[in-house]
N, C-alpha and C. Protein backbone atom coordinates (compact mmCIF):
# COMPACT_ATOMS: atom_id res chain seq x y z
N MET A 1 1.10 -1.00 0.04
CA MET A 1 -0.17 -0.09 0.07
C MET A 1 0.85 1.15 0.23
N ALA A 2 0.73 2.08 -0.85
CA ALA A 2 1.54 3.15 -1.09
C ALA A 2 1.20 4.26 0.00
N GLY A 3 1.83 5.08 0.28
CA GLY A 3 1.53 6.25 0.78
C GLY A 3 2.44 6.45 2.05
N LYS A 4 2.09 7.40 3.03
CA LYS A 4 2.92 7.88 3.88
C LYS A 4 2.01 7.74 5.52
N ILE A 5 2.57 7.44 6.61
CA ILE A 5 2.02 7.42 7.68
C ILE A 5 2.53 8.64 8.42
N THR A 6 1.40 9.06 9.01
CA THR A 6 1.97 10.47 10.07
C THR A 6 2.52 9.74 11.27
N PHE A 7 3.83 10.29 11.91
CA PHE A 7 4.43 9.94 12.83
C PHE A 7 4.68 10.60 13.79
N GLU A 8 4.40 10.47 15.30
CA GLU A 8 4.89 11.53 16.24
C GLU A 8 5.09 10.78 17.42
N LEU A 9 6.38 11.15 17.93
CA LEU A 9 7.33 10.59 18.96
C LEU A 9 7.31 11.70 20.01
N VAL A 10 6.35 11.60 21.03
CA VAL A 10 6.32 12.64 22.31
C VAL A 10 7.13 11.99 23.52
N SER A 11 7.93 12.93 24.38
CA SER A 11 8.35 12.44 25.65
C SER A 11 7.77 13.58 26.56
N PRO A 12 7.87 13.15 27.79
CA PRO A 12 7.34 14.12 28.89
C PRO A 12 7.68 15.74 28.75
N GLU A 13 8.85 15.89 28.17
CA GLU A 13 9.29 17.17 28.09
C GLU A 13 8.94 17.72 26.74
N ARG A 14 8.59 17.04 25.82
CA ARG A 14 8.62 17.74 24.47
C ARG A 14 8.02 16.84 23.18
N LEU A 15 7.67 17.24 22.25
CA LEU A 15 7.36 16.68 20.84
C LEU A 15 8.69 16.45 20.21
N VAL A 16 9.18 15.34 20.22
CA VAL A 16 10.52 15.23 19.43
C VAL A 16 10.39 14.87 18.17
N LEU A 17 9.41 14.42 17.70
CA LEU A 17 9.57 14.24 15.89
C LEU A 17 7.87 14.12 15.69
N SER A 18 7.69 15.10 14.74
CA SER A 18 6.28 14.80 13.95
C SER A 18 6.48 14.87 12.33
N LYS A 19 6.33 13.82 11.66
CA LYS A 19 6.53 13.97 10.20
C LYS A 19 5.73 12.79 9.47
N SER A 20 5.52 12.93 8.47
CA SER A 20 4.79 12.01 7.57
C SER A 20 6.21 11.18 6.75
N VAL A 21 6.04 9.95 7.15
CA VAL A 21 7.18 8.99 6.88
C VAL A 21 6.50 7.53 6.03
N ASP A 22 7.77 6.93 5.50
CA ASP A 22 7.31 5.46 4.81
C ASP A 22 6.70 4.36 5.83
N MET A 23 7.77 4.33 6.99
CA MET A 23 7.65 3.38 7.84
C MET A 23 8.58 3.59 9.29
N VAL A 24 7.87 3.06 10.53
CA VAL A 24 8.40 3.39 11.45
C VAL A 24 8.68 1.95 12.14
N ILE A 25 10.15 1.55 12.61
CA ILE A 25 10.18 0.27 13.31
C ILE A 25 10.46 0.62 14.61
N MET A 26 9.63 -0.20 15.59
CA MET A 26 9.61 0.25 17.04
C MET A 26 9.97 -1.29 18.07
N PRO A 27 10.66 -0.98 19.07
CA PRO A 27 10.90 -2.11 19.93
C PRO A 27 9.88 -2.59 20.91
N GLY A 28 8.74 -3.41 20.31
CA GLY A 28 7.61 -3.67 20.98
C GLY A 28 7.91 -4.66 22.26
N SER A 29 7.33 -4.67 23.37
CA SER A 29 7.47 -5.46 24.25
C SER A 29 7.32 -7.05 23.71
N GLU A 30 6.83 -7.36 22.65
CA GLU A 30 6.55 -8.68 22.38
C GLU A 30 7.49 -8.78 21.27
N GLY A 31 8.38 -8.08 20.95
CA GLY A 31 9.67 -8.02 19.55
C GLY A 31 9.14 -6.95 18.87
N GLU A 32 10.02 -6.77 18.02
CA GLU A 32 10.02 -5.41 16.96
C GLU A 32 9.11 -5.43 16.09
N PHE A 33 8.41 -4.47 15.69
CA PHE A 33 7.26 -4.69 14.47
C PHE A 33 7.22 -3.02 13.85
N GLY A 34 6.83 -3.28 12.71
CA GLY A 34 6.74 -2.08 11.77
C GLY A 34 5.45 -1.57 11.54
N VAL A 35 5.52 -0.35 11.28
CA VAL A 35 4.04 0.44 10.99
C VAL A 35 4.13 0.97 9.61
N LEU A 36 3.25 0.47 8.54
CA LEU A 36 3.17 1.10 7.34
C LEU A 36 1.74 1.66 7.26
N VAL A 37 1.55 2.88 6.51
CA VAL A 37 0.13 3.15 6.46
C VAL A 37 -0.84 2.25 6.24
N GLY A 38 -1.91 2.14 6.51
CA GLY A 38 -2.85 1.11 6.39
C GLY A 38 -2.71 0.05 7.55
N HIS A 39 -1.92 0.24 8.54
CA HIS A 39 -1.69 -0.74 9.41
C HIS A 39 -2.89 -0.96 10.25
N ALA A 40 -3.12 -2.20 10.86
CA ALA A 40 -4.31 -2.40 11.50
C ALA A 40 -4.28 -1.58 12.96
N PRO A 41 -5.36 -1.00 13.40
CA PRO A 41 -5.10 -0.44 14.94
C PRO A 41 -4.94 -1.07 15.75
N ILE A 42 -3.75 -1.00 16.58
CA ILE A 42 -3.19 -1.71 17.64
C ILE A 42 -2.80 -0.70 18.90
N LEU A 43 -2.80 -1.01 20.17
CA LEU A 43 -2.10 -0.47 21.18
C LEU A 43 -0.88 -1.27 21.55
N ALA A 44 0.38 -0.74 21.71
CA ALA A 44 1.50 -1.68 22.29
C ALA A 44 2.13 -1.17 23.05
N THR A 45 2.67 -1.68 24.04
CA THR A 45 3.89 -1.55 25.05
C THR A 45 5.26 -1.56 24.35
N LEU A 46 6.22 -0.57 24.78
CA LEU A 46 7.56 -0.70 24.04
C LEU A 46 8.35 -0.91 25.19
N ASP A 47 9.60 -1.54 24.80
CA ASP A 47 10.67 -1.76 25.48
C ASP A 47 11.62 -0.72 25.29
N PRO A 48 12.70 -0.70 26.15
CA PRO A 48 13.83 0.11 25.81
C PRO A 48 14.28 -0.25 24.34
N GLY A 49 14.46 0.63 23.54
CA GLY A 49 15.15 0.23 22.24
C GLY A 49 15.38 1.41 21.38
N VAL A 50 15.42 1.24 20.14
CA VAL A 50 15.63 2.34 18.91
C VAL A 50 14.35 2.16 17.93
N VAL A 51 13.94 3.22 17.85
CA VAL A 51 12.81 3.74 16.75
C VAL A 51 13.43 4.01 15.87
N ALA A 52 13.09 3.14 14.64
CA ALA A 52 13.91 3.41 13.56
C ALA A 52 12.95 4.14 12.37
N VAL A 53 13.17 5.16 12.01
CA VAL A 53 12.02 6.03 11.23
C VAL A 53 12.58 5.84 9.60
N HIS A 54 11.80 5.26 8.77
CA HIS A 54 12.27 5.27 7.40
C HIS A 54 11.30 5.88 6.55
N ASP A 55 12.03 6.71 5.43
CA ASP A 55 11.82 7.62 4.46
C ASP A 55 12.57 7.68 3.34
N GLY A 56 11.79 7.46 1.94
CA GLY A 56 12.69 7.44 0.88
C GLY A 56 13.95 6.30 0.82
N GLY A 57 13.09 5.30 1.29
CA GLY A 57 14.18 4.19 1.13
C GLY A 57 15.47 3.86 1.99
N GLN A 58 15.41 4.77 3.10
CA GLN A 58 16.19 4.97 3.93
C GLN A 58 16.12 5.07 5.33
N ILE A 59 16.57 4.92 6.10
CA ILE A 59 16.80 5.46 7.78
C ILE A 59 17.03 6.89 8.07
N ILE A 60 16.14 7.68 8.36
CA ILE A 60 16.16 9.19 8.39
C ILE A 60 16.32 9.53 9.85
N ASP A 61 16.10 8.71 10.83
CA ASP A 61 16.27 9.07 12.11
C ASP A 61 16.23 7.53 13.01
N ARG A 62 16.92 7.62 14.05
CA ARG A 62 17.09 6.49 14.87
C ARG A 62 17.06 7.18 16.38
N ILE A 63 16.20 6.49 16.93
CA ILE A 63 15.75 7.56 18.42
C ILE A 63 15.58 6.39 19.29
N PHE A 64 16.40 6.54 20.68
CA PHE A 64 16.33 5.56 21.39
C PHE A 64 15.34 5.94 22.52
N VAL A 65 14.31 5.06 22.84
CA VAL A 65 13.31 5.24 23.72
C VAL A 65 13.67 4.28 25.10
N ALA A 66 13.03 4.76 26.06
CA ALA A 66 13.24 3.82 27.32
C ALA A 66 12.33 3.41 27.74
N GLY A 67 11.48 3.02 26.71
CA GLY A 67 10.05 2.30 26.75
C GLY A 67 9.06 3.31 26.72
N GLY A 68 7.66 2.63 26.67
CA GLY A 68 6.60 3.69 26.50
C GLY A 68 5.17 2.87 25.69
N PHE A 69 4.74 3.77 25.01
CA PHE A 69 3.36 3.28 24.54
C PHE A 69 3.03 3.45 23.16
N ALA A 70 2.73 2.75 22.11
CA ALA A 70 2.46 3.11 20.76
C ALA A 70 1.19 2.92 20.60
N GLU A 71 0.40 3.92 19.64
CA GLU A 71 -0.92 3.82 19.28
C GLU A 71 -0.69 3.98 17.66
N VAL A 72 -1.49 2.90 17.12
CA VAL A 72 -1.21 2.90 15.72
C VAL A 72 -2.93 2.76 14.95
N THR A 73 -2.88 3.70 14.04
CA THR A 73 -4.10 3.64 13.34
C THR A 73 -3.69 3.58 11.85
N ALA A 74 -4.69 3.21 10.95
CA ALA A 74 -4.37 3.09 9.54
C ALA A 74 -3.58 4.28 8.96
N GLU A 75 -3.90 5.62 9.53
CA GLU A 75 -2.87 6.69 9.00
C GLU A 75 -2.03 7.46 9.87
N ARG A 76 -1.83 6.86 11.25
CA ARG A 76 -1.13 7.60 12.04
C ARG A 76 -0.81 6.64 13.09
N CYS A 77 0.66 7.09 13.58
CA CYS A 77 1.43 6.35 14.71
C CYS A 77 1.94 7.17 15.53
N VAL A 78 1.39 7.03 16.80
CA VAL A 78 1.76 8.08 18.14
C VAL A 78 2.59 7.00 18.98
N VAL A 79 3.61 7.63 19.42
CA VAL A 79 4.74 7.02 20.48
C VAL A 79 4.65 7.81 21.64
N LEU A 80 4.36 7.62 22.99
CA LEU A 80 4.74 8.05 24.14
C LEU A 80 5.78 7.65 24.94
N ALA A 81 6.84 7.99 25.05
CA ALA A 81 7.96 7.39 25.55
C ALA A 81 8.49 7.92 26.88
N GLU A 82 8.83 7.07 27.63
CA GLU A 82 9.28 7.68 28.86
C GLU A 82 10.58 8.60 28.60
N ASP A 83 11.29 8.39 27.90
CA ASP A 83 12.20 9.16 27.49
C ASP A 83 12.85 8.77 26.12
N ALA A 84 13.41 10.03 25.31
CA ALA A 84 13.59 9.74 24.09
C ALA A 84 14.96 10.59 23.63
N THR A 85 16.03 10.00 23.03
CA THR A 85 17.14 10.59 22.78
C THR A 85 17.59 9.90 21.27
N PRO A 86 18.12 11.07 20.48
CA PRO A 86 18.59 10.69 19.19
C PRO A 86 19.73 9.61 19.84
N VAL A 87 19.84 8.57 18.92
CA VAL A 87 21.07 7.78 19.09
C VAL A 87 22.65 8.23 19.06
N LYS A 88 22.29 9.33 18.04
CA LYS A 88 23.52 10.15 17.80
C LYS A 88 24.06 11.05 18.89
N ASN A 89 23.00 11.04 19.78
CA ASN A 89 23.41 11.92 20.82
C ASN A 89 23.77 11.15 22.44
N ILE A 90 23.70 10.08 22.29
CA ILE A 90 23.80 8.98 23.31
C ILE A 90 25.37 9.04 23.67
N ASP A 91 25.94 9.52 24.91
CA ASP A 91 27.26 9.24 25.21
C ASP A 91 27.74 7.98 25.64
N VAL A 92 28.37 7.30 24.75
CA VAL A 92 28.98 6.29 24.42
C VAL A 92 29.45 5.79 26.05
N VAL A 93 30.25 6.38 26.67
CA VAL A 93 31.17 6.33 27.66
C VAL A 93 30.16 6.23 28.98
N ALA A 94 29.48 7.31 28.88
CA ALA A 94 28.47 7.29 30.18
C ALA A 94 27.33 6.04 29.99
N ALA A 95 26.83 5.57 28.95
CA ALA A 95 26.42 4.53 28.39
C ALA A 95 26.85 3.24 29.19
N ALA A 96 28.07 3.00 29.13
CA ALA A 96 29.14 2.06 29.16
C ALA A 96 29.16 1.85 30.87
N SER A 97 29.38 2.92 31.17
CA SER A 97 29.62 3.21 32.89
C SER A 97 28.11 2.94 33.38
N ALA A 98 27.14 3.30 33.07
CA ALA A 98 25.94 3.00 33.50
C ALA A 98 25.49 1.75 33.55
N LEU A 99 25.90 0.88 32.38
CA LEU A 99 25.78 -0.59 32.39
C LEU A 99 26.62 -1.35 33.43
N ARG A 100 27.71 -0.94 33.44
CA ARG A 100 28.75 -1.54 34.83
C ARG A 100 27.92 -1.39 36.00
N GLU A 101 27.58 -0.14 36.32
CA GLU A 101 26.92 -0.28 37.50
C GLU A 101 25.38 -0.95 37.75
N ALA A 102 24.73 -1.17 36.49
CA ALA A 102 23.48 -1.76 36.46
C ALA A 102 23.79 -3.43 36.69
N GLU A 103 25.07 -3.64 36.07
CA GLU A 103 25.42 -5.11 36.39
C GLU A 103 25.66 -5.54 37.65
N ALA A 104 26.23 -4.51 38.57
CA ALA A 104 26.73 -4.60 39.71
C ALA A 104 25.44 -4.45 40.99
N GLY A 105 24.50 -4.16 40.45
CA GLY A 105 23.07 -4.12 41.11
C GLY A 105 22.20 -5.12 41.10
N THR A 106 20.99 -4.73 41.42
CA THR A 106 19.91 -6.16 41.70
C THR A 106 18.67 -5.55 40.66
N ASP A 107 18.58 -4.45 40.29
CA ASP A 107 17.70 -3.59 39.71
C ASP A 107 17.57 -4.01 38.24
N GLN A 108 16.81 -5.03 37.95
CA GLN A 108 16.47 -6.00 36.47
C GLN A 108 16.18 -4.99 35.62
N ALA A 109 15.16 -4.18 35.78
CA ALA A 109 14.96 -2.90 34.81
C ALA A 109 16.17 -1.80 34.47
N ALA A 110 16.59 -1.46 35.33
CA ALA A 110 17.73 -0.75 34.94
C ALA A 110 18.55 -1.47 34.35
N LEU A 111 19.04 -2.47 34.47
CA LEU A 111 20.03 -3.44 33.76
C LEU A 111 19.50 -3.50 32.34
N LYS A 112 17.88 -3.80 31.98
CA LYS A 112 17.39 -3.85 30.89
C LYS A 112 17.74 -2.54 30.05
N LEU A 113 17.26 -1.40 30.51
CA LEU A 113 17.78 -0.26 30.22
C LEU A 113 19.06 0.40 29.76
N ALA A 114 19.93 -0.18 30.44
CA ALA A 114 21.36 0.45 30.26
C ALA A 114 21.94 -0.71 29.22
N ARG A 115 21.46 -2.02 29.17
CA ARG A 115 22.02 -2.64 27.98
C ARG A 115 21.27 -2.41 26.82
N ALA A 116 20.15 -1.85 26.68
CA ALA A 116 19.54 -1.14 25.70
C ALA A 116 20.27 -0.19 24.90
N ARG A 117 20.42 0.97 25.98
CA ARG A 117 21.27 1.86 25.73
C ARG A 117 22.33 1.79 24.79
N VAL A 118 23.25 0.84 25.75
CA VAL A 118 24.64 0.24 24.86
C VAL A 118 24.27 -0.28 23.74
N ALA A 119 23.62 -1.34 23.16
CA ALA A 119 23.14 -1.94 22.00
C ALA A 119 22.55 -0.65 21.01
N ALA A 120 22.13 0.25 21.19
CA ALA A 120 21.88 1.29 20.34
C ALA A 120 22.87 1.97 19.76
N THR A 121 23.89 1.87 20.83
CA THR A 121 25.26 3.00 20.06
C THR A 121 26.05 2.10 19.32
N GLN A 122 25.77 0.92 19.50
CA GLN A 122 26.60 -0.33 18.44
C GLN A 122 26.32 -0.95 17.04
N ARG A 123 24.90 -0.13 16.75
CA ARG A 123 24.27 -0.46 15.32
C ARG A 123 24.71 0.52 14.38
């Protein structure tokens, strides 16, 4: 199905991105999933990971989200993220340090988040 889907990524602080794109791939809690125009309506929880925004046959944005929710309709996809950072802005040294700290602790959610943040910098 040809056409564009309106994509919006919102964090508690601001509207991170709003544009019409070809496809969005997200880190769903049940696994990665892609959204194209005409997608069936769904509500999905998101795990920490990278939202990849595709347009014109290429990835135009890669944004790390620390989890959240996605609402998808046939014409629109809205992501409400707990935190959103462009992958290019992630401090690799700080992410690695946070991972070491999380590995030494007992908080499994912090460990999952730290692992996802480090993995985002390695793609």
